[in-house]
C-alpha atoms as a PDB file:
ATOM      1  CA  UNK A   1       9.151 -20.253 -28.585  1.00  0.00           C
ATOM      2  CA  UNK A   2       9.464 -20.930 -24.852  1.00  0.00           C
ATOM      3  CA  UNK A   3      11.597 -17.819 -24.464  1.00  0.00           C
ATOM      4  CA  UNK A   4       8.914 -15.660 -26.053  1.00  0.00           C
ATOM      5  CA  UNK A   5       6.269 -17.057 -23.728  1.00  0.00           C
ATOM      6  CA  UNK A   6       8.515 -16.502 -20.713  1.00  0.00           C
ATOM      7  CA  UNK A   7       9.152 -12.914 -21.851  1.00  0.00           C
ATOM      8  CA  UNK A   8       5.426 -12.216 -22.228  1.00  0.00           C
ATOM      9  CA  UNK A   9       4.719 -13.654 -18.775  1.00  0.00           C
ATOM     10  CA  UNK A  10       7.538 -11.562 -17.285  1.00  0.00           C
ATOM     11  CA  UNK A  11       6.217  -8.420 -18.993  1.00  0.00           C
ATOM     12  CA  UNK A  12       2.845  -8.992 -17.353  1.00  0.00           C
ATOM     13  CA  UNK A  13       3.993 -10.276 -13.951  1.00  0.00           C
ATOM     14  CA  UNK A  14       6.656  -7.673 -13.117  1.00  0.00           C
ATOM     15  CA  UNK A  15       4.468  -4.546 -13.424  1.00  0.00           C
ATOM     16  CA  UNK A  16       1.618  -6.242 -11.537  1.00  0.00           C
ATOM     17  CA  UNK A  17       4.046  -7.257  -8.797  1.00  0.00           C
ATOM     18  CA  UNK A  18       5.410  -3.731  -8.524  1.00  0.00           C
ATOM     19  CA  UNK A  19       1.911  -2.231  -8.283  1.00  0.00           C
ATOM     20  CA  UNK A  20       0.771  -4.753  -5.676  1.00  0.00           C
ATOM     21  CA  UNK A  21       3.906  -4.169  -3.604  1.00  0.00           C
ATOM     22  CA  UNK A  22       3.311  -0.413  -3.746  1.00  0.00           C
ATOM     23  CA  UNK A  23      -0.303  -0.866  -2.673  1.00  0.00           C
ATOM     24  CA  UNK A  24       0.709  -3.002   0.304  1.00  0.00           C
ATOM     25  CA  UNK A  25       3.450  -0.563   1.309  1.00  0.00           C
ATOM     26  CA  UNK A  26       1.079   2.418   1.141  1.00  0.00           C
ATOM     27  CA  UNK A  27      -1.527   0.579   3.239  1.00  0.00           C
ATOM     28  CA  UNK A  28       1.061  -0.232   5.906  1.00  0.00           C
ATOM     29  CA  UNK A  29       2.438   3.319   5.893  1.00  0.00           C
ATOM     30  CA  UNK A  30      -1.043   4.842   6.052  1.00  0.00           C
ATOM     31  CA  UNK A  31      -2.083   2.703   9.005  1.00  0.00           C
ATOM     32  CA  UNK A  32       1.156   3.457  10.835  1.00  0.00           C
ATOM     33  CA  UNK A  33       0.672   7.195  10.311  1.00  0.00           C
ATOM     34  CA  UNK A  34      -2.977   7.013  11.423  1.00  0.00           C
ATOM     35  CA  UNK A  35      -2.012   5.213  14.637  1.00  0.00           C
ATOM     36  CA  UNK A  36       0.747   7.770  15.269  1.00  0.00           C
ATOM     37  CA  UNK A  37      -1.743  10.603  14.819  1.00  0.00           C
ATOM     38  CA  UNK A  38      -4.201   9.018  17.245  1.00  0.00           C
ATOM     39  CA  UNK A  39      -1.459   8.577  19.844  1.00  0.00           C
ATOM     40  CA  UNK A  40      -0.047  12.105  19.405  1.00  0.00           C
ATOM     41  CA  UNK A  41      -3.428  13.818  19.607  1.00  0.00           C
ATOM     42  CA  UNK A  42      -5.008  11.720  22.340  1.00  0.00           C
ATOM     43  CA  UNK A  43      -7.871  13.592  23.960  1.00  0.00           C
ATOM     44  CA  UNK A  44      -8.471  15.927  21.019  1.00  0.00           C
ATOM     45  CA  UNK A  45     -12.090  16.583  20.134  1.00  0.00           C
ATOM     46  CA  UNK A  46     -11.203  16.345  16.441  1.00  0.00           C
ATOM     47  CA  UNK A  47     -10.660  12.589  16.719  1.00  0.00           C
ATOM     48  CA  UNK A  48     -14.381  12.110  17.373  1.00  0.00           C
ATOM     49  CA  UNK A  49     -15.382  13.479  13.936  1.00  0.00           C
ATOM     50  CA  UNK A  50     -16.718  10.837  11.557  1.00  0.00           C
ATOM     51  CA  UNK A  51     -14.601  10.120   8.488  1.00  0.00           C
END
């Protein structure tokens, strides 16, 4: 019985962990790319446009 409960918890926890890790990785990558774009295009009038 304990094995079945552990299996159910693992089936729920592993996909949630994978999705949360992907969300964190995409947030870090997005911020890094945004900062790179600001640095590369410093002085461009397009940076002043509201998002």
